[in-house]
């Protein structure tokens, strides 16, 4: 995917109960960020957690296979951990 395609901003419509919207707006206000910024941050965090879970699962599958050596991945894994 090209960077221009990945970074294109899209508008979406979200339907939430009034009580949840009030609470999320209060959260954004306490953090001194816009509601849009808060929701984008939460969506990015959720997507990142999902990617990490998929990678952990794939690594576990490889690690469980006796015919596959995951030793070569150790350096890459250290680099990922180092970068945070």
N, C-alpha and C. Protein backbone atom coordinates (compact mmCIF):
# COMPACT_ATOMS: atom_id res chain seq x y z
N UNK A 1 0.84 -1.17 0.00
CA UNK A 1 0.00 0.00 0.00
C UNK A 1 0.89 1.24 0.00
N UNK A 2 0.57 2.20 -0.83
CA UNK A 2 1.33 3.43 -0.89
C UNK A 2 1.05 4.28 0.34
N UNK A 3 2.06 5.06 0.75
CA UNK A 3 1.91 5.91 1.93
C UNK A 3 0.75 6.88 1.77
N UNK A 4 0.57 7.42 0.57
CA UNK A 4 -0.52 8.37 0.33
C UNK A 4 -1.88 7.70 0.55
N UNK A 5 -2.01 6.46 0.15
CA UNK A 5 -3.27 5.73 0.38
C UNK A 5 -3.46 5.43 1.85
N UNK A 6 -2.39 5.04 2.52
CA UNK A 6 -2.48 4.67 3.93
C UNK A 6 -2.82 5.86 4.80
N UNK A 7 -2.31 7.03 4.45
CA UNK A 7 -2.47 8.21 5.28
C UNK A 7 -3.67 9.08 4.90
N UNK A 8 -4.44 8.67 3.92
CA UNK A 8 -5.61 9.44 3.53
C UNK A 8 -6.62 9.42 4.68
N UNK A 9 -7.16 10.57 5.01
CA UNK A 9 -8.11 10.69 6.11
C UNK A 9 -9.51 10.46 5.59
N UNK A 10 -10.24 9.62 6.29
CA UNK A 10 -11.63 9.32 5.95
C UNK A 10 -12.54 9.71 7.11
N UNK A 11 -13.72 10.13 6.79
CA UNK A 11 -14.71 10.46 7.80
C UNK A 11 -15.65 9.27 7.96
N UNK A 12 -15.97 8.93 9.21
CA UNK A 12 -16.90 7.84 9.48
C UNK A 12 -18.00 8.33 10.40
N UNK A 13 -19.10 7.63 10.39
CA UNK A 13 -20.20 7.92 11.30
C UNK A 13 -20.22 6.84 12.35
N UNK A 14 -20.34 7.27 13.59
CA UNK A 14 -20.34 6.34 14.71
C UNK A 14 -21.59 6.56 15.54
N UNK A 15 -22.30 5.51 15.84
CA UNK A 15 -23.51 5.61 16.67
C UNK A 15 -23.21 5.01 18.04
N UNK A 16 -23.35 5.83 19.07
CA UNK A 16 -23.13 5.38 20.44
C UNK A 16 -24.24 5.93 21.33
N UNK A 17 -24.51 5.26 22.42
CA UNK A 17 -25.52 5.77 23.36
C UNK A 17 -25.07 7.12 23.94
N UNK A 18 -26.05 7.96 24.28
CA UNK A 18 -25.74 9.28 24.83
C UNK A 18 -24.82 9.22 26.03
N UNK A 19 -25.08 8.28 26.95
CA UNK A 19 -24.27 8.23 28.17
C UNK A 19 -22.80 7.92 27.85
N UNK A 20 -22.56 7.08 26.85
CA UNK A 20 -21.19 6.76 26.47
C UNK A 20 -20.52 7.96 25.81
N UNK A 21 -21.25 8.66 24.96
CA UNK A 21 -20.69 9.85 24.31
C UNK A 21 -20.32 10.90 25.35
N UNK A 22 -21.18 11.12 26.34
CA UNK A 22 -20.86 12.09 27.39
C UNK A 22 -19.58 11.69 28.13
N UNK A 23 -19.47 10.42 28.46
CA UNK A 23 -18.31 9.94 29.20
C UNK A 23 -17.03 10.08 28.37
N UNK A 24 -17.11 9.74 27.11
CA UNK A 24 -15.93 9.82 26.23
C UNK A 24 -15.53 11.29 26.03
N UNK A 25 -16.51 12.16 25.91
CA UNK A 25 -16.20 13.59 25.80
C UNK A 25 -15.52 14.10 27.06
N UNK A 26 -15.98 13.65 28.22
CA UNK A 26 -15.33 14.04 29.48
C UNK A 26 -13.90 13.52 29.52
N UNK A 27 -13.71 12.30 29.07
CA UNK A 27 -12.35 11.74 29.03
C UNK A 27 -11.45 12.57 28.13
N UNK A 28 -11.94 12.92 26.96
CA UNK A 28 -11.15 13.75 26.03
C UNK A 28 -10.84 15.10 26.67
N UNK A 29 -11.82 15.67 27.33
CA UNK A 29 -11.62 16.97 27.97
C UNK A 29 -10.56 16.89 29.07
N UNK A 30 -10.62 15.84 29.89
CA UNK A 30 -9.63 15.66 30.95
C UNK A 30 -8.22 15.52 30.38
N UNK A 31 -8.14 14.87 29.24
CA UNK A 31 -6.83 14.68 28.59
C UNK A 31 -6.41 15.89 27.76
N UNK A 32 -7.32 16.85 27.65
CA UNK A 32 -7.09 18.08 26.87
C UNK A 32 -6.79 17.77 25.40
N UNK A 33 -7.57 16.83 24.86
CA UNK A 33 -7.49 16.54 23.44
C UNK A 33 -8.91 16.50 22.88
N UNK A 34 -9.01 16.57 21.58
CA UNK A 34 -10.33 16.54 20.95
C UNK A 34 -10.92 15.13 21.01
N UNK A 35 -12.22 15.07 20.88
CA UNK A 35 -12.89 13.77 20.82
C UNK A 35 -12.35 12.97 19.65
N UNK A 36 -12.14 13.62 18.52
CA UNK A 36 -11.59 12.96 17.34
C UNK A 36 -10.22 12.36 17.63
N UNK A 37 -9.35 13.14 18.28
CA UNK A 37 -8.00 12.65 18.59
C UNK A 37 -8.05 11.47 19.55
N UNK A 38 -8.95 11.53 20.54
CA UNK A 38 -9.08 10.44 21.50
C UNK A 38 -9.54 9.16 20.80
N UNK A 39 -10.56 9.27 19.98
CA UNK A 39 -11.07 8.08 19.29
C UNK A 39 -10.03 7.51 18.33
N UNK A 40 -9.31 8.38 17.63
CA UNK A 40 -8.27 7.90 16.72
C UNK A 40 -7.17 7.17 17.50
N UNK A 41 -6.77 7.75 18.65
CA UNK A 41 -5.75 7.11 19.50
C UNK A 41 -6.22 5.74 19.96
N UNK A 42 -7.46 5.65 20.39
CA UNK A 42 -7.99 4.36 20.86
C UNK A 42 -8.07 3.33 19.73
N UNK A 43 -8.48 3.78 18.55
CA UNK A 43 -8.55 2.86 17.41
C UNK A 43 -7.16 2.39 17.00
N UNK A 44 -6.18 3.30 17.01
CA UNK A 44 -4.81 2.91 16.69
C UNK A 44 -4.28 1.91 17.71
N UNK A 45 -4.57 2.14 18.98
CA UNK A 45 -4.12 1.22 20.04
C UNK A 45 -4.76 -0.15 19.86
N UNK A 46 -6.06 -0.18 19.56
CA UNK A 46 -6.76 -1.45 19.35
C UNK A 46 -6.18 -2.20 18.16
N UNK A 47 -5.93 -1.49 17.06
CA UNK A 47 -5.36 -2.13 15.87
C UNK A 47 -3.96 -2.67 16.17
N UNK A 48 -3.16 -1.90 16.92
CA UNK A 48 -1.81 -2.34 17.28
C UNK A 48 -1.85 -3.57 18.18
N UNK A 49 -2.75 -3.57 19.16
CA UNK A 49 -2.88 -4.74 20.04
C UNK A 49 -3.28 -5.97 19.24
N UNK A 50 -4.16 -5.78 18.27
CA UNK A 50 -4.59 -6.91 17.43
C UNK A 50 -3.44 -7.44 16.59
N UNK A 51 -2.65 -6.53 15.99
CA UNK A 51 -1.48 -6.96 15.21
C UNK A 51 -0.50 -7.72 16.08
N UNK A 52 -0.26 -7.22 17.30
CA UNK A 52 0.67 -7.89 18.20
C UNK A 52 0.16 -9.27 18.59
N UNK A 53 -1.14 -9.39 18.83
CA UNK A 53 -1.71 -10.70 19.19
C UNK A 53 -1.56 -11.69 18.03
N UNK A 54 -1.76 -11.22 16.82
CA UNK A 54 -1.62 -12.09 15.64
C UNK A 54 -0.16 -12.55 15.51
N UNK A 55 0.77 -11.63 15.69
CA UNK A 55 2.19 -11.99 15.61
C UNK A 55 2.58 -12.97 16.71
N UNK A 56 2.10 -12.73 17.94
CA UNK A 56 2.40 -13.66 19.04
C UNK A 56 1.85 -15.05 18.73
N UNK A 57 0.63 -15.09 18.22
CA UNK A 57 0.03 -16.38 17.89
C UNK A 57 0.83 -17.11 16.81
N UNK A 58 1.23 -16.38 15.77
CA UNK A 58 2.03 -16.99 14.70
C UNK A 58 3.37 -17.48 15.24
N UNK A 59 3.99 -16.70 16.10
CA UNK A 59 5.27 -17.09 16.69
C UNK A 59 5.10 -18.33 17.56
N UNK A 60 4.00 -18.39 18.32
CA UNK A 60 3.72 -19.56 19.14
C UNK A 60 3.53 -20.81 18.29
N UNK A 61 2.85 -20.65 17.16
CA UNK A 61 2.64 -21.80 16.26
C UNK A 61 3.98 -22.28 15.73
N UNK A 62 4.83 -21.34 15.32
CA UNK A 62 6.16 -21.73 14.84
C UNK A 62 6.97 -22.40 15.94
N UNK A 63 6.90 -21.83 17.14
CA UNK A 63 7.66 -22.37 18.26
C UNK A 63 7.21 -23.76 18.68
N UNK A 64 5.94 -24.07 18.45
CA UNK A 64 5.40 -25.38 18.83
C UNK A 64 5.74 -26.47 17.82
N UNK A 65 6.12 -26.07 16.62
CA UNK A 65 6.45 -27.03 15.56
C UNK A 65 7.89 -27.50 15.77
N UNK A 66 8.05 -28.77 16.07
CA UNK A 66 9.38 -29.33 16.34
C UNK A 66 10.30 -29.30 15.13
N UNK A 67 9.73 -29.20 13.94
CA UNK A 67 10.53 -29.20 12.72
C UNK A 67 10.99 -27.80 12.32
N UNK A 68 10.57 -26.79 13.06
CA UNK A 68 10.91 -25.41 12.73
C UNK A 68 11.77 -24.83 13.84
N UNK A 69 12.86 -24.19 13.45
CA UNK A 69 13.72 -23.53 14.43
C UNK A 69 13.40 -22.03 14.42
N UNK A 70 13.05 -21.52 15.59
CA UNK A 70 12.75 -20.10 15.70
C UNK A 70 13.95 -19.31 16.22
N UNK A 71 15.08 -19.98 16.36
CA UNK A 71 16.27 -19.31 16.88
C UNK A 71 16.66 -18.10 16.03
N UNK A 72 16.44 -18.18 14.73
CA UNK A 72 16.79 -17.08 13.84
C UNK A 72 15.95 -15.83 14.06
N UNK A 73 14.82 -15.99 14.73
CA UNK A 73 13.95 -14.85 14.98
C UNK A 73 14.33 -14.10 16.26
N UNK A 74 15.21 -14.65 17.05
CA UNK A 74 15.55 -14.06 18.35
C UNK A 74 16.11 -12.65 18.19
N UNK A 75 17.00 -12.45 17.24
CA UNK A 75 17.60 -11.11 17.05
C UNK A 75 16.53 -10.11 16.62
N UNK A 76 15.65 -10.51 15.73
CA UNK A 76 14.57 -9.62 15.29
C UNK A 76 13.64 -9.30 16.44
N UNK A 77 13.34 -10.29 17.24
CA UNK A 77 12.46 -10.08 18.38
C UNK A 77 13.10 -9.12 19.39
N UNK A 78 14.38 -9.26 19.64
CA UNK A 78 15.09 -8.34 20.54
C UNK A 78 15.01 -6.91 20.01
N UNK A 79 15.16 -6.74 18.70
CA UNK A 79 15.10 -5.42 18.11
C UNK A 79 13.71 -4.80 18.27
N UNK A 80 12.69 -5.60 18.09
CA UNK A 80 11.32 -5.11 18.28
C UNK A 80 11.10 -4.68 19.71
N UNK A 81 11.54 -5.47 20.65
CA UNK A 81 11.40 -5.14 22.07
C UNK A 81 12.20 -3.89 22.40
N UNK A 82 13.40 -3.78 21.85
CA UNK A 82 14.24 -2.62 22.11
C UNK A 82 13.58 -1.33 21.61
N UNK A 83 12.95 -1.40 20.47
CA UNK A 83 12.31 -0.21 19.88
C UNK A 83 11.01 0.13 20.57
N UNK A 84 10.45 -0.86 21.28
CA UNK A 84 9.21 -0.61 22.04
C UNK A 84 8.05 -0.68 21.16
